[in-house]
Protein backbone atom coordinates (compact mmCIF):
# COMPACT_ATOMS: atom_id res chain seq x y z
CA MET A 1 0.00 0.00 0.00
CA LYS A 2 1.39 3.36 -1.09
CA ILE A 3 1.49 6.45 1.13
CA LEU A 4 2.47 10.06 0.37
CA ILE A 5 3.70 12.00 3.40
CA VAL A 6 3.45 15.77 2.98
CA GLU A 7 5.40 17.16 5.93
CA ASP A 8 8.12 19.82 6.30
CA GLU A 9 9.36 18.80 9.76
CA GLN A 10 12.33 16.60 8.90
CA GLU A 11 12.50 14.65 12.16
CA LEU A 12 8.80 13.89 12.13
CA MET A 13 9.05 12.87 8.47
CA LYS A 14 11.91 10.48 9.28
CA SER A 15 9.98 8.96 12.16
CA MET A 16 6.83 8.43 10.10
CA VAL A 17 8.71 6.97 7.13
CA SER A 18 10.73 4.60 9.32
CA TYR A 19 7.69 3.36 11.23
CA LEU A 20 5.35 3.02 8.25
CA ARG A 21 7.97 1.18 6.20
CA SER A 22 8.34 -1.25 9.10
CA GLU A 23 4.58 -1.77 8.75
CA ASN A 24 5.12 -2.62 5.07
CA PHE A 25 3.90 0.62 3.53
CA LEU A 26 5.60 2.09 0.47
CA CYS A 27 6.32 5.69 1.51
CA GLU A 28 7.04 8.71 -0.66
CA GLU A 29 8.00 12.09 0.74
CA ALA A 30 7.04 15.67 -0.10
CA PRO A 31 8.45 18.46 2.12
CA ASP A 32 6.35 21.21 0.54
CA TYR A 33 3.23 22.03 -1.47
CA LYS A 34 5.02 22.20 -4.84
CA THR A 35 6.60 18.74 -4.52
CA ALA A 36 3.37 17.22 -3.23
CA ARG A 37 1.35 18.64 -6.10
CA GLN A 38 3.82 17.29 -8.67
CA LYS A 39 3.69 13.81 -7.16
CA ILE A 40 -0.10 13.80 -6.88
CA GLU A 41 -0.44 14.82 -10.53
CA MET A 42 1.78 11.90 -11.59
CA PHE A 43 0.76 9.13 -9.19
CA SER A 44 -2.15 7.81 -7.13
CA TYR A 45 -1.87 6.89 -3.46
CA ASP A 46 -3.83 4.74 -1.04
CA CYS A 47 -3.53 7.50 1.54
CA ILE A 48 -2.01 10.99 1.74
CA LEU A 49 -0.82 12.36 5.08
CA LEU A 50 -1.18 16.09 4.67
CA ASP A 51 0.34 18.63 7.02
CA VAL A 52 -1.61 21.89 7.14
CA THR A 53 1.36 24.22 7.67
CA LEU A 54 3.75 23.96 4.73
CA PRO A 55 6.60 26.38 3.94
CA ASP A 56 5.21 27.49 0.56
CA GLU A 57 1.43 27.14 0.96
CA ASN A 58 -1.40 26.14 3.27
CA GLY A 59 -2.14 22.41 3.13
CA PHE A 60 -5.86 23.11 2.94
CA LEU A 61 -5.32 24.55 -0.56
CA LEU A 62 -3.86 21.25 -1.71
CA LEU A 63 -6.77 19.39 -0.12
CA LYS A 64 -9.23 21.65 -1.94
CA GLU A 65 -7.46 21.08 -5.26
CA LEU A 66 -7.47 17.31 -4.74
CA LYS A 67 -11.23 17.30 -4.31
CA GLU A 68 -11.85 19.72 -7.19
CA ASN A 69 -9.86 17.38 -9.45
CA GLN A 70 -11.89 14.42 -8.12
CA LYS A 71 -8.83 12.53 -6.90
CA THR A 72 -9.82 9.44 -4.94
CA ASP A 73 -6.75 9.18 -2.69
CA GLY A 74 -7.58 8.87 1.01
CA ILE A 75 -6.49 11.95 2.97
CA ILE A 76 -5.58 12.38 6.63
CA VAL A 77 -4.93 15.98 7.63
CA ILE A 78 -2.16 16.41 10.21
CA SER A 79 -1.97 19.65 12.16
CA ALA A 80 -0.34 21.18 15.21
CA LYS A 81 -3.57 23.09 15.72
CA ASN A 82 -6.24 21.44 17.82
CA SER A 83 -8.88 24.04 17.02
CA ILE A 84 -12.40 22.93 16.21
CA GLN A 85 -12.46 25.42 13.31
CA ASP A 86 -9.50 23.77 11.54
CA ARG A 87 -10.89 20.31 12.19
CA ILE A 88 -14.27 21.27 10.71
CA MET A 89 -12.59 22.98 7.74
CA GLY A 90 -10.49 19.92 6.94
CA LEU A 91 -13.44 17.55 7.13
CA ASN A 92 -15.71 19.89 5.16
CA LEU A 93 -13.08 20.12 2.41
CA GLY A 94 -13.20 16.34 2.09
CA ALA A 95 -10.50 14.92 4.37
CA ASP A 96 -11.16 11.40 5.62
CA ASP A 97 -9.63 12.05 9.03
CA TYR A 98 -7.88 14.73 11.10
CA LEU A 99 -4.97 14.03 13.44
CA THR A 100 -3.44 16.53 15.86
CA LYS A 101 0.27 16.65 16.68
CA PRO A 102 1.82 15.11 18.69
CA PHE A 103 0.45 11.64 18.01
CA HIS A 104 1.50 8.03 18.51
CA LEU A 105 2.73 6.36 15.32
CA SER A 106 0.67 3.26 16.13
CA GLU A 107 -2.46 5.44 16.12
CA LEU A 108 -1.43 6.93 12.77
CA ASN A 109 -1.04 3.42 11.37
CA ALA A 110 -4.49 2.41 12.63
CA ARG A 111 -6.08 5.52 11.09
CA ILE A 112 -4.39 4.90 7.73
CA LEU A 113 -5.67 1.33 7.63
CA ALA A 114 -9.17 2.51 8.59
CA VAL A 115 -9.19 5.06 5.74
CA ILE A 116 -8.02 2.45 3.23
CA ARG A 117 -10.66 -0.05 4.40
CA ARG A 118 -13.43 2.55 4.10
CA ARG A 119 -12.33 3.75 0.68
CA HIS A 120 -11.51 0.46 -1.01
CA PHE A 121 -13.29 -2.25 0.95
CA GLN A 122 -16.47 -0.62 2.35
CA GLY A 123 -15.00 -0.74 5.84
CA GLN A 124 -14.39 -4.50 5.82
CA GLN A 125 -11.49 -5.74 7.89
CA VAL A 126 -11.49 -9.24 6.47
CA LEU A 127 -11.91 -10.01 2.76
CA VAL A 128 -13.30 -13.45 1.91
CA PHE A 129 -13.07 -14.92 -1.58
CA ASN A 130 -14.36 -18.45 -1.00
CA GLU A 131 -11.33 -20.33 0.40
CA LEU A 132 -9.03 -17.28 0.13
CA VAL A 133 -9.13 -14.94 3.17
CA ILE A 134 -7.25 -11.65 3.55
CA ASP A 135 -7.09 -10.02 6.98
CA LEU A 136 -6.35 -6.33 6.33
CA ALA A 137 -5.67 -5.48 9.97
CA ALA A 138 -3.33 -8.39 10.64
CA LYS A 139 -1.96 -8.23 7.06
CA THR A 140 -2.24 -11.99 6.68
CA VAL A 141 -3.46 -14.27 3.91
CA SER A 142 -4.84 -17.78 4.34
CA VAL A 143 -6.26 -20.49 2.09
CA ASN A 144 -8.59 -23.05 3.62
CA ASN A 145 -7.66 -21.67 7.06
CA LYS A 146 -3.94 -22.27 6.47
CA PRO A 147 -1.57 -19.27 6.37
CA VAL A 148 0.19 -18.35 3.13
CA ASP A 149 3.62 -16.81 3.55
CA LEU A 150 3.83 -13.83 1.17
CA THR A 151 6.51 -11.19 0.79
CA ARG A 152 5.52 -7.55 1.26
CA LYS A 153 5.42 -6.98 -2.51
CA GLU A 154 3.34 -10.10 -3.09
CA TYR A 155 0.88 -9.06 -0.37
CA ASP A 156 0.63 -5.52 -1.78
CA LEU A 157 0.08 -6.94 -5.25
CA LEU A 158 -2.72 -9.21 -4.04
CA ILE A 159 -4.42 -6.35 -2.16
CA TYR A 160 -4.15 -4.04 -5.17
CA LEU A 161 -5.71 -6.62 -7.48
CA ALA A 162 -8.38 -7.47 -4.90
CA TYR A 163 -9.66 -3.93 -4.52
CA ASN A 164 -9.70 -3.63 -8.30
CA LYS A 165 -11.48 -6.97 -8.63
CA ASN A 166 -13.15 -7.67 -11.97
CA ARG A 167 -11.25 -4.75 -13.54
CA VAL A 168 -8.16 -5.02 -15.74
CA VAL A 169 -5.16 -3.38 -14.08
CA SER A 170 -2.34 -2.33 -16.42
CA LYS A 171 1.27 -3.33 -15.88
CA ASN A 172 2.17 0.35 -15.63
CA ALA A 173 -0.37 0.93 -12.84
CA ILE A 174 0.98 -2.10 -10.98
CA ALA A 175 4.56 -0.88 -11.39
CA GLU A 176 3.65 2.53 -9.94
CA HIS A 177 1.74 0.96 -7.07
CA LEU A 178 4.55 -1.40 -6.10
CA SER A 179 7.48 0.95 -6.65
CA GLY A 180 6.10 4.49 -6.59
CA ASP A 181 8.19 7.10 -8.39
CA GLU A 182 10.98 4.54 -8.69
CA ALA A 183 8.91 2.75 -11.36
CA GLU A 184 10.40 5.07 -13.97
CA ILE A 185 13.87 3.54 -13.54
CA PHE A 186 12.71 0.10 -14.69
CA SER A 187 13.23 -0.53 -18.41
CA ASN A 188 10.72 -3.40 -18.47
CA TYR A 189 8.16 -5.17 -16.33
CA ASP A 190 10.23 -8.23 -15.43
CA PHE A 191 9.92 -7.45 -11.71
CA ILE A 192 6.13 -7.52 -12.03
CA TYR A 193 6.19 -10.86 -13.82
CA SER A 194 8.41 -12.25 -11.06
CA HIS A 195 6.16 -11.06 -8.21
CA MET A 196 3.03 -12.18 -10.07
CA LYS A 197 4.45 -15.62 -10.82
CA ASN A 198 5.48 -16.17 -7.19
CA LEU A 199 2.14 -14.91 -5.83
CA LYS A 200 0.07 -17.15 -8.10
CA LYS A 201 2.31 -20.14 -7.38
CA LYS A 202 2.03 -19.73 -3.60
CA LEU A 203 -1.75 -19.34 -3.70
CA GLN A 204 -2.26 -22.33 -5.97
CA GLN A 205 0.09 -24.53 -3.93
CA ALA A 206 -1.97 -23.63 -0.87
CA GLY A 207 -5.13 -24.83 -2.64
CA SER A 208 -6.59 -21.54 -3.87
CA LYS A 209 -8.59 -21.28 -7.05
CA GLU A 210 -7.00 -19.29 -9.88
CA TYR A 211 -8.49 -15.83 -9.33
CA ILE A 212 -5.72 -13.84 -11.05
CA ARG A 213 -5.83 -13.84 -14.85
CA SER A 214 -3.37 -12.44 -17.37
CA ILE A 215 -5.12 -10.28 -19.97
CA TYR A 216 -2.91 -10.36 -23.05
CA GLY A 217 -1.51 -6.98 -24.04
CA MET A 218 -3.36 -5.20 -21.22
CA GLY A 219 -2.46 -6.39 -17.73
CA TYR A 220 -4.06 -8.52 -15.02
CA LYS A 221 -7.49 -9.06 -13.52
CA PHE A 222 -8.66 -10.50 -10.19
CA GLU A 223 -11.90 -12.28 -11.09
CA PHE A 224 -14.47 -13.09 -8.43
């Protein structure tokens, strides 16, 4: 799952990136409004952590632009201000949540997961596809009640396909989701083929039906 952190406090940024990466999130950083806007125009994110006070602009302006452009990224506003007016403004502009500094990183993690569940999975914590079960909170996958040991990339790939179920997802979209802005450095999609092959093999060996299909010349589809 891919996160954009828009925050100008370097130490806080480092702490959030370190913790969220340990929780298997792919994190990208934007220290100001200009950088954040460029990244948002190029990529989509599962959740954006948006600081209100940025060095070159107010974060609420970026939030307003996101909603005007009908971007579907989840948004958690982060602010040092605990005023009811700012909280109401952020929520009225379309933020999914509002978190006041200082905060515990474990709480931030829980709020991110809650936003992603609401936006992509109608609030469900456990996804059930017949014998295949995905626990979003525990970040585990099982087939016929037996755990399947997936790497972080394989798990992210499965989740991405699952919340796009019955839709064809292009190789380019998968590359961006798995690698963020680093996707541009890859000359081909061999790394996608490798992750996809391993994921499908592990699920099938565990006894899962073949839900993931290759759509020639287009990408992949999770059919259910």
